Amino acid sequence: MALQYIGAATTLLLLTSPLSAAPISFSVSPSLQYFHYQEFLPSGRVSNTESGFLPGVKGSARLAHERWQLEVLGAYFQNTVDYDGESTSGQPHQTRTDETLGQAGFSLSKTLNHPQYPSRFIFNHELRWWERDILPANGVLGLYELYRWQQNGLGVEQTLHQSGATQTLLGLQIFHVYDVEMEVNLFGTDVTFHPRPGNGFKAWFSWTFPWQQRRLLLSWFYQTFQFKSSELHLVNTPGGPQLFAEPDSTTQLLGMELTIPL
């Protein structure tokens, strides 16, 4: 689905480009982010935490026409991080988790011209997915979960300083997370949970600078968002039927990326 989404958005770029007589530019962005995820019991107590570094890469195609810009992007991050929490039986448990994060989306922005400090207003839509593979350890079985969701965001990016080809920018964005699904196999039963929609925000600081006839963009960012608890499902376990739900959770991402034009 994500590849079809990127393909459709890229086709839109190709069809729009001749009309505007503007070329499409491409870029690649290696990135490193610190991933911190927490789940909460109904009492508010943290039941487990997953944290560690996720390296990855983002690719984008961009079409600019006058003060408007349309961008299509895709990103992929993967690594193994630490798990510190509880097993499904509520016992303390420590292991490792294979994390894979992916996203595909587009953004539409408009720049408000200012002699020195232009601003850019941004709308974006993204499809995201997350493969969470909690590895077996200490006699406790592993657990594989697949999350999928959509999110819409509104933001602004403000130029703080500009001198020649060098520029510093500050951005803020709020977004809404919805259509959340989580698929998991519990004791031989395939279950799909639907966590309730949540919200999030992203902040970033960027610096553009010339290097070997290119203009590179170095960004530091922080992002956080929430999933809210899901509906209950009755699952047969070795100890008899038991109710399960996906709990409230918070994800935080802190990282940096370097955007290189192709």
C-alpha atoms as a PDB file:
ATOM      1  CA  MET A   1       0.000   0.000   0.000  1.00  0.00           C
ATOM      2  CA  ALA A   2       2.795   2.420   0.869  1.00  0.00           C
ATOM      3  CA  LEU A   3       4.540   1.806  -2.476  1.00  0.00           C
ATOM      4  CA  GLN A   4       1.254   2.406  -4.316  1.00  0.00           C
ATOM      5  CA  TYR A   5       0.801   5.605  -2.300  1.00  0.00           C
ATOM      6  CA  ILE A   6       4.283   6.877  -3.215  1.00  0.00           C
ATOM      7  CA  GLY A   7       3.716   5.882  -6.851  1.00  0.00           C
ATOM      8  CA  ALA A   8       0.453   7.816  -7.059  1.00  0.00           C
ATOM      9  CA  ALA A   9       1.978  10.915  -5.469  1.00  0.00           C
ATOM     10  CA  THR A  10       5.042  10.712  -7.736  1.00  0.00           C
ATOM     11  CA  THR A  11       2.760  10.451 -10.782  1.00  0.00           C
ATOM     12  CA  LEU A  12       1.054  13.634  -9.593  1.00  0.00           C
ATOM     13  CA  LEU A  13       4.437  15.353  -9.483  1.00  0.00           C
ATOM     14  CA  LEU A  14       5.294  14.211 -12.997  1.00  0.00           C
ATOM     15  CA  LEU A  15       1.943  15.369 -14.372  1.00  0.00           C
ATOM     16  CA  THR A  16       2.139  18.718 -12.611  1.00  0.00           C
ATOM     17  CA  SER A  17       5.747  19.536 -13.514  1.00  0.00           C
ATOM     18  CA  PRO A  18       5.236  20.289 -17.256  1.00  0.00           C
ATOM     19  CA  LEU A  19       2.350  22.628 -16.396  1.00  0.00           C
ATOM     20  CA  SER A  20       4.493  24.691 -14.086  1.00  0.00           C
ATOM     21  CA  ALA A  21       7.638  24.432 -16.216  1.00  0.00           C
ATOM     22  CA  ALA A  22       9.502  23.680 -13.003  1.00  0.00           C
ATOM     23  CA  PRO A  23      11.939  20.780 -12.628  1.00  0.00           C
ATOM     24  CA  ILE A  24      11.545  18.072 -10.010  1.00  0.00           C
ATOM     25  CA  SER A  25      14.400  17.885  -7.516  1.00  0.00           C
ATOM     26  CA  PHE A  26      15.403  14.757  -5.595  1.00  0.00           C
ATOM     27  CA  SER A  27      17.225  14.305  -2.311  1.00  0.00           C
ATOM     28  CA  VAL A  28      18.345  11.600   0.101  1.00  0.00           C
ATOM     29  CA  SER A  29      18.656  12.043   3.879  1.00  0.00           C
ATOM     30  CA  PRO A  30      20.617   9.632   6.087  1.00  0.00           C
ATOM     31  CA  SER A  31      19.310   9.925   9.630  1.00  0.00           C
ATOM     32  CA  LEU A  32      19.859   8.718  13.192  1.00  0.00           C
ATOM     33  CA  GLN A  33      17.134   8.967  15.817  1.00  0.00           C
ATOM     34  CA  TYR A  34      16.783   7.920  19.433  1.00  0.00           C
ATOM     35  CA  PHE A  35      13.575   5.920  19.901  1.00  0.00           C
ATOM     36  CA  HIS A  36      11.802   5.949  23.284  1.00  0.00           C
ATOM     37  CA  TYR A  37       8.467   4.140  23.700  1.00  0.00           C
ATOM     38  CA  GLN A  38       6.390   3.660  26.866  1.00  0.00           C
ATOM     39  CA  GLU A  39       3.143   1.813  27.642  1.00  0.00           C
ATOM     40  CA  PHE A  40       0.951   2.716  30.613  1.00  0.00           C
ATOM     41  CA  LEU A  41      -1.401   0.755  32.834  1.00  0.00           C
ATOM     42  CA  PRO A  42      -4.884   2.220  33.564  1.00  0.00           C
ATOM     43  CA  SER A  43      -3.430   3.465  36.868  1.00  0.00           C
ATOM     44  CA  GLY A  44      -0.904   5.552  34.913  1.00  0.00           C
ATOM     45  CA  ARG A  45       2.083   3.419  35.925  1.00  0.00           C
ATOM     46  CA  VAL A  46       4.616   2.626  33.177  1.00  0.00           C
ATOM     47  CA  SER A  47       4.357  -1.081  32.286  1.00  0.00           C
ATOM     48  CA  ASN A  48       7.241  -1.247  29.803  1.00  0.00           C
ATOM     49  CA  THR A  49       9.811   0.905  28.068  1.00  0.00           C
ATOM     50  CA  GLU A  50      11.679   0.364  24.798  1.00  0.00           C
ATOM     51  CA  SER A  51      14.583   2.621  23.879  1.00  0.00           C
ATOM     52  CA  GLY A  52      17.582   2.740  21.582  1.00  0.00           C
ATOM     53  CA  PHE A  53      19.026   4.251  18.404  1.00  0.00           C
ATOM     54  CA  LEU A  54      17.396   3.695  15.003  1.00  0.00           C
ATOM     55  CA  PRO A  55      19.489   4.513  11.908  1.00  0.00           C
ATOM     56  CA  GLY A  56      17.620   5.046   8.672  1.00  0.00           C
ATOM     57  CA  VAL A  57      17.234   6.943   5.433  1.00  0.00           C
ATOM     58  CA  LYS A  58      14.640   9.206   3.839  1.00  0.00           C
ATOM     59  CA  GLY A  59      14.160   9.921   0.145  1.00  0.00           C
ATOM     60  CA  SER A  60      12.080  12.712  -1.373  1.00  0.00           C
ATOM     61  CA  ALA A  61      11.008  14.272  -4.669  1.00  0.00           C
ATOM     62  CA  ARG A  62      10.127  17.950  -4.667  1.00  0.00           C
ATOM     63  CA  LEU A  63       8.327  20.254  -7.101  1.00  0.00           C
ATOM     64  CA  ALA A  64       8.475  24.020  -6.499  1.00  0.00           C
ATOM     65  CA  HIS A  65       6.389  26.589  -8.389  1.00  0.00           C
ATOM     66  CA  GLU A  66       6.540  30.235  -7.399  1.00  0.00           C
ATOM     67  CA  ARG A  67       5.759  30.212  -3.636  1.00  0.00           C
ATOM     68  CA  TRP A  68       4.240  26.698  -3.597  1.00  0.00           C
ATOM     69  CA  GLN A  69       6.064  23.418  -2.974  1.00  0.00           C
ATOM     70  CA  LEU A  70       4.846  19.820  -3.244  1.00  0.00           C
ATOM     71  CA  GLU A  71       7.003  17.059  -1.771  1.00  0.00           C
ATOM     72  CA  VAL A  72       6.636  13.261  -1.815  1.00  0.00           C
ATOM     73  CA  LEU A  73       8.706  11.261   0.646  1.00  0.00           C
ATOM     74  CA  GLY A  74       9.410   7.797   2.003  1.00  0.00           C
ATOM     75  CA  ALA A  75      11.530   6.741   5.003  1.00  0.00           C
ATOM     76  CA  TYR A  76      12.778   3.560   6.673  1.00  0.00           C
ATOM     77  CA  PHE A  77      14.431   3.000  10.097  1.00  0.00           C
ATOM     78  CA  GLN A  78      15.526  -0.269  11.720  1.00  0.00           C
ATOM     79  CA  ASN A  79      17.537  -1.561  14.682  1.00  0.00           C
ATOM     80  CA  THR A  80      17.332  -3.640  17.865  1.00  0.00           C
ATOM     81  CA  VAL A  81      16.624  -1.747  21.104  1.00  0.00           C
ATOM     82  CA  ASP A  82      16.294  -2.523  24.826  1.00  0.00           C
ATOM     83  CA  TYR A  83      13.012  -3.743  26.337  1.00  0.00           C
ATOM     84  CA  ASP A  84      12.456  -3.240  30.074  1.00  0.00           C
ATOM     85  CA  GLY A  85       9.018  -4.065  31.417  1.00  0.00           C
ATOM     86  CA  GLU A  86       6.647  -6.916  32.100  1.00  0.00           C
ATOM     87  CA  SER A  87       5.589 -10.162  30.442  1.00  0.00           C
ATOM     88  CA  THR A  88       1.934 -10.807  29.541  1.00  0.00           C
ATOM     89  CA  SER A  89       1.587 -12.479  32.964  1.00  0.00           C
ATOM     90  CA  GLY A  90       2.749  -9.283  34.694  1.00  0.00           C
ATOM     91  CA  GLN A  91       6.200 -10.537  35.725  1.00  0.00           C
ATOM     92  CA  PRO A  92       9.289  -8.274  35.381  1.00  0.00           C
ATOM     93  CA  HIS A  93      10.980  -8.971  32.055  1.00  0.00           C
ATOM     94  CA  GLN A  94      13.991  -7.650  30.156  1.00  0.00           C
ATOM     95  CA  THR A  95      14.883  -8.495  26.574  1.00  0.00           C
ATOM     96  CA  ARG A  96      15.550  -6.863  23.189  1.00  0.00           C
ATOM     97  CA  THR A  97      13.087  -5.712  20.511  1.00  0.00           C
ATOM     98  CA  ASP A  98      13.614  -5.513  16.755  1.00  0.00           C
ATOM     99  CA  GLU A  99      12.076  -2.213  15.669  1.00  0.00           C
ATOM    100  CA  THR A 100      11.248  -1.266  12.084  1.00  0.00           C
ATOM    101  CA  LEU A 101       9.614   2.094  11.337  1.00  0.00           C
ATOM    102  CA  GLY A 102       8.410   3.164   7.897  1.00  0.00           C
ATOM    103  CA  GLN A 103       6.543   6.116   6.454  1.00  0.00           C
ATOM    104  CA  ALA A 104       5.231   7.403   3.133  1.00  0.00           C
ATOM    105  CA  GLY A 105       3.525  10.696   2.531  1.00  0.00           C
ATOM    106  CA  PHE A 106       3.374  14.115   0.941  1.00  0.00           C
ATOM    107  CA  SER A 107       3.471  17.729   2.055  1.00  0.00           C
ATOM    108  CA  LEU A 108       2.136  20.906   0.481  1.00  0.00           C
ATOM    109  CA  SER A 109       3.605  24.221   1.583  1.00  0.00           C
ATOM    110  CA  LYS A 110       3.434  27.909   0.730  1.00  0.00           C
ATOM    111  CA  THR A 111       6.127  30.490   1.452  1.00  0.00           C
ATOM    112  CA  LEU A 112       5.232  34.008   2.559  1.00  0.00           C
ATOM    113  CA  ASN A 113       7.916  36.257   1.152  1.00  0.00           C
ATOM    114  CA  HIS A 114       9.721  38.594   3.502  1.00  0.00           C
ATOM    115  CA  PRO A 115      12.855  40.587   2.639  1.00  0.00           C
ATOM    116  CA  GLN A 116      14.919  38.796   5.291  1.00  0.00           C
ATOM    117  CA  TYR A 117      12.798  36.308   7.235  1.00  0.00           C
ATOM    118  CA  PRO A 118      10.379  34.335   5.014  1.00  0.00           C
ATOM    119  CA  SER A 119       7.951  31.850   6.601  1.00  0.00           C
ATOM    120  CA  ARG A 120       6.659  28.584   5.152  1.00  0.00           C
ATOM    121  CA  PHE A 121       3.266  27.127   6.094  1.00  0.00           C
ATOM    122  CA  ILE A 122       3.013  23.350   5.718  1.00  0.00           C
ATOM    123  CA  PHE A 123       0.264  20.727   5.474  1.00  0.00           C
ATOM    124  CA  ASN A 124       1.260  17.075   5.332  1.00  0.00           C
ATOM    125  CA  HIS A 125      -0.342  13.644   5.257  1.00  0.00           C
ATOM    126  CA  GLU A 126       1.510  10.406   6.070  1.00  0.00           C
ATOM    127  CA  LEU A 127       0.958   6.677   6.230  1.00  0.00           C
ATOM    128  CA  ARG A 128       3.116   5.060   8.912  1.00  0.00           C
ATOM    129  CA  TRP A 129       3.823   1.517   9.994  1.00  0.00           C
ATOM    130  CA  TRP A 130       5.804  -0.052  12.810  1.00  0.00           C
ATOM    131  CA  GLU A 131       6.960  -3.640  13.160  1.00  0.00           C
ATOM    132  CA  ARG A 132       7.661  -4.460  16.806  1.00  0.00           C
ATOM    133  CA  ASP A 133       9.247  -7.864  17.371  1.00  0.00           C
ATOM    134  CA  ILE A 134       9.826  -8.500  21.099  1.00  0.00           C
ATOM    135  CA  LEU A 135      12.460 -11.244  21.205  1.00  0.00           C
ATOM    136  CA  PRO A 136      12.225 -14.356  23.422  1.00  0.00           C
ATOM    137  CA  ALA A 137      14.435 -14.353  26.547  1.00  0.00           C
ATOM    138  CA  ASN A 138      14.624 -15.915  30.013  1.00  0.00           C
ATOM    139  CA  GLY A 139      12.080 -18.603  29.150  1.00  0.00           C
ATOM    140  CA  VAL A 140       9.481 -16.033  28.011  1.00  0.00           C
ATOM    141  CA  LEU A 141       8.167 -16.324  24.453  1.00  0.00           C
ATOM    142  CA  GLY A 142       8.563 -13.463  22.001  1.00  0.00           C
ATOM    143  CA  LEU A 143       5.735 -11.383  20.564  1.00  0.00           C
ATOM    144  CA  TYR A 144       5.400  -9.799  17.103  1.00  0.00           C
ATOM    145  CA  GLU A 145       3.130  -6.781  16.592  1.00  0.00           C
ATOM    146  CA  LEU A 146       2.365  -4.729  13.477  1.00  0.00           C
ATOM    147  CA  TYR A 147       1.025  -1.180  13.806  1.00  0.00           C
ATOM    148  CA  ARG A 148      -0.395   0.933  10.978  1.00  0.00           C
ATOM    149  CA  TRP A 149      -1.836   4.440  11.131  1.00  0.00           C
ATOM    150  CA  GLN A 150      -2.336   7.733   9.316  1.00  0.00           C
ATOM    151  CA  GLN A 151      -1.577  11.261  10.433  1.00  0.00           C
ATOM    152  CA  ASN A 152      -2.319  14.804   9.243  1.00  0.00           C
ATOM    153  CA  GLY A 153      -0.185  17.750  10.295  1.00  0.00           C
ATOM    154  CA  LEU A 154      -0.115  21.550  10.155  1.00  0.00           C
ATOM    155  CA  GLY A 155       3.078  23.457  10.741  1.00  0.00           C
ATOM    156  CA  VAL A 156       5.166  26.532  10.132  1.00  0.00           C
ATOM    157  CA  GLU A 157       8.867  26.958   9.375  1.00  0.00           C
ATOM    158  CA  GLN A 158      10.444  30.326  10.121  1.00  0.00           C
ATOM    159  CA  THR A 159      13.745  31.648   8.759  1.00  0.00           C
ATOM    160  CA  LEU A 160      15.810  32.931  11.672  1.00  0.00           C
ATOM    161  CA  HIS A 161      18.907  34.089   9.788  1.00  0.00           C
ATOM    162  CA  GLN A 162      19.996  34.234   6.171  1.00  0.00           C
ATOM    163  CA  SER A 163      23.343  35.173   4.708  1.00  0.00           C
ATOM    164  CA  GLY A 164      24.128  34.203   1.140  1.00  0.00           C
ATOM    165  CA  ALA A 165      23.638  30.440   0.746  1.00  0.00           C
ATOM    166  CA  THR A 166      23.657  29.909   4.534  1.00  0.00           C
ATOM    167  CA  GLN A 167      20.344  29.843   6.366  1.00  0.00           C
ATOM    168  CA  THR A 168      18.997  28.804   9.785  1.00  0.00           C
ATOM    169  CA  LEU A 169      15.371  27.778  10.281  1.00  0.00           C
ATOM    170  CA  LEU A 170      13.048  26.785  13.123  1.00  0.00           C
ATOM    171  CA  GLY A 171       9.941  24.646  12.557  1.00  0.00           C
ATOM    172  CA  LEU A 172       6.950  23.579  14.646  1.00  0.00           C
ATOM    173  CA  GLN A 173       4.145  21.206  13.691  1.00  0.00           C
ATOM    174  CA  ILE A 174       1.105  19.663  15.382  1.00  0.00           C
ATOM    175  CA  PHE A 175      -0.506  16.524  13.976  1.00  0.00           C
ATOM    176  CA  HIS A 176      -3.405  14.139  14.535  1.00  0.00           C
ATOM    177  CA  VAL A 177      -2.934  10.352  14.545  1.00  0.00           C
ATOM    178  CA  TYR A 178      -5.930   8.268  13.408  1.00  0.00           C
ATOM    179  CA  ASP A 179      -7.037   4.972  11.786  1.00  0.00           C
ATOM    180  CA  VAL A 180      -4.671   3.106  14.108  1.00  0.00           C
ATOM    181  CA  GLU A 181      -4.533  -0.712  13.813  1.00  0.00           C
ATOM    182  CA  MET A 182      -2.370  -3.186  15.696  1.00  0.00           C
ATOM    183  CA  GLU A 183      -2.191  -6.824  14.598  1.00  0.00           C
ATOM    184  CA  VAL A 184      -0.863  -9.499  16.950  1.00  0.00           C
ATOM    185  CA  ASN A 185      -1.118 -13.250  17.552  1.00  0.00           C
ATOM    186  CA  LEU A 186      -2.046 -14.029  21.180  1.00  0.00           C
ATOM    187  CA  PHE A 187      -1.873 -17.693  22.208  1.00  0.00           C
ATOM    188  CA  GLY A 188      -2.624 -18.839  18.651  1.00  0.00           C
ATOM    189  CA  THR A 189      -5.414 -16.303  18.023  1.00  0.00           C
ATOM    190  CA  ASP A 190      -4.989 -13.494  15.479  1.00  0.00           C
ATOM    191  CA  VAL A 191      -6.305 -10.274  17.006  1.00  0.00           C
ATOM    192  CA  THR A 192      -6.581  -6.757  15.576  1.00  0.00           C
ATOM    193  CA  PHE A 193      -6.764  -3.911  18.077  1.00  0.00           C
ATOM    194  CA  HIS A 194      -7.865  -0.375  17.211  1.00  0.00           C
ATOM    195  CA  PRO A 195      -6.201   2.122  19.567  1.00  0.00           C
ATOM    196  CA  ARG A 196      -8.108   5.388  19.771  1.00  0.00           C
ATOM    197  CA  PRO A 197      -6.773   8.451  17.907  1.00  0.00           C
ATOM    198  CA  GLY A 198      -4.135  10.632  19.558  1.00  0.00           C
ATOM    199  CA  ASN A 199      -2.153  13.792  18.884  1.00  0.00           C
ATOM    200  CA  GLY A 200       1.476  14.788  18.618  1.00  0.00           C
ATOM    201  CA  PHE A 201       3.893  17.532  17.719  1.00  0.00           C
ATOM    202  CA  LYS A 202       7.261  17.953  16.062  1.00  0.00           C
ATOM    203  CA  ALA A 203       9.914  20.662  16.430  1.00  0.00           C
ATOM    204  CA  TRP A 204      13.051  21.050  14.327  1.00  0.00           C
ATOM    205  CA  PHE A 205      16.035  23.332  13.868  1.00  0.00           C
ATOM    206  CA  SER A 206      17.775  23.347  10.478  1.00  0.00           C
ATOM    207  CA  TRP A 207      20.922  24.798   9.000  1.00  0.00           C
ATOM    208  CA  THR A 208      21.546  25.019   5.265  1.00  0.00           C
ATOM    209  CA  PHE A 209      25.065  25.545   3.973  1.00  0.00           C
ATOM    210  CA  PRO A 210      26.984  25.231   0.680  1.00  0.00           C
ATOM    211  CA  TRP A 211      29.299  22.280   0.093  1.00  0.00           C
ATOM    212  CA  GLN A 212      30.979  21.330  -3.227  1.00  0.00           C
ATOM    213  CA  GLN A 213      28.437  23.211  -5.373  1.00  0.00           C
ATOM    214  CA  ARG A 214      25.537  21.718  -3.416  1.00  0.00           C
ATOM    215  CA  ARG A 215      23.328  23.148  -0.695  1.00  0.00           C
ATOM    216  CA  LEU A 216      23.128  20.715   2.219  1.00  0.00           C
ATOM    217  CA  LEU A 217      20.524  20.778   5.000  1.00  0.00           C
ATOM    218  CA  LEU A 218      21.388  19.581   8.506  1.00  0.00           C
ATOM    219  CA  SER A 219      18.408  19.204  10.856  1.00  0.00           C
ATOM    220  CA  TRP A 220      17.887  18.301  14.509  1.00  0.00           C
ATOM    221  CA  PHE A 221      14.363  17.249  15.457  1.00  0.00           C
ATOM    222  CA  TYR A 222      12.139  16.100  18.310  1.00  0.00           C
ATOM    223  CA  GLN A 223       8.802  14.361  17.791  1.00  0.00           C
ATOM    224  CA  THR A 224       6.258  12.809  20.139  1.00  0.00           C
ATOM    225  CA  PHE A 225       2.802  11.259  19.680  1.00  0.00           C
ATOM    226  CA  GLN A 226       0.277   9.128  21.532  1.00  0.00           C
ATOM    227  CA  PHE A 227      -1.872   6.081  20.986  1.00  0.00           C
ATOM    228  CA  LYS A 228      -4.830   5.769  23.355  1.00  0.00           C
ATOM    229  CA  SER A 229      -6.163   2.479  24.755  1.00  0.00           C
ATOM    230  CA  SER A 230      -8.089   0.143  22.442  1.00  0.00           C
ATOM    231  CA  GLU A 231     -11.209  -1.971  22.761  1.00  0.00           C
ATOM    232  CA  LEU A 232     -11.166  -5.240  24.723  1.00  0.00           C
ATOM    233  CA  HIS A 233     -10.770  -8.674  23.083  1.00  0.00           C
ATOM    234  CA  LEU A 234     -11.511 -12.001  24.758  1.00  0.00           C
ATOM    235  CA  VAL A 235      -8.691 -14.482  24.046  1.00  0.00           C
ATOM    236  CA  ASN A 236      -8.362 -18.125  25.069  1.00  0.00           C
ATOM    237  CA  THR A 237      -5.172 -18.619  27.076  1.00  0.00           C
ATOM    238  CA  PRO A 238      -3.714 -21.742  28.781  1.00  0.00           C
ATOM    239  CA  GLY A 239      -5.264 -20.449  31.999  1.00  0.00           C
ATOM    240  CA  GLY A 240      -8.696 -19.835  30.466  1.00  0.00           C
ATOM    241  CA  PRO A 241     -10.371 -16.927  28.633  1.00  0.00           C
ATOM    242  CA  GLN A 242      -8.804 -13.550  29.334  1.00  0.00           C
ATOM    243  CA  LEU A 243      -9.522  -9.980  28.243  1.00  0.00           C
ATOM    244  CA  PHE A 244      -6.761  -8.061  26.449  1.00  0.00           C
ATOM    245  CA  ALA A 245      -6.500  -4.450  25.258  1.00  0.00           C
ATOM    246  CA  GLU A 246      -3.795  -2.302  23.735  1.00  0.00           C
ATOM    247  CA  PRO A 247      -2.841   0.236  26.452  1.00  0.00           C
ATOM    248  CA  ASP A 248      -2.153   3.959  26.325  1.00  0.00           C
ATOM    249  CA  SER A 249       1.316   4.634  24.929  1.00  0.00           C
ATOM    250  CA  THR A 250       3.682   7.465  24.091  1.00  0.00           C
ATOM    251  CA  THR A 251       6.456   7.482  21.481  1.00  0.00           C
ATOM    252  CA  GLN A 252       9.295  10.011  21.420  1.00  0.00           C
ATOM    253  CA  LEU A 253      11.878  10.450  18.659  1.00  0.00           C
ATOM    254  CA  LEU A 254      14.964  12.647  18.994  1.00  0.00           C
ATOM    255  CA  GLY A 255      17.431  12.758  16.132  1.00  0.00           C
ATOM    256  CA  MET A 256      19.244  14.412  13.275  1.00  0.00           C
ATOM    257  CA  GLU A 257      19.347  14.078   9.507  1.00  0.00           C
ATOM    258  CA  LEU A 258      21.465  15.382   6.659  1.00  0.00           C
ATOM    259  CA  THR A 259      19.626  16.156   3.416  1.00  0.00           C
ATOM    260  CA  ILE A 260      21.754  15.800   0.278  1.00  0.00           C
ATOM    261  CA  PRO A 261      20.407  16.948  -3.107  1.00  0.00           C
ATOM    262  CA  LEU A 262      20.917  14.474  -5.959  1.00  0.00           C
END
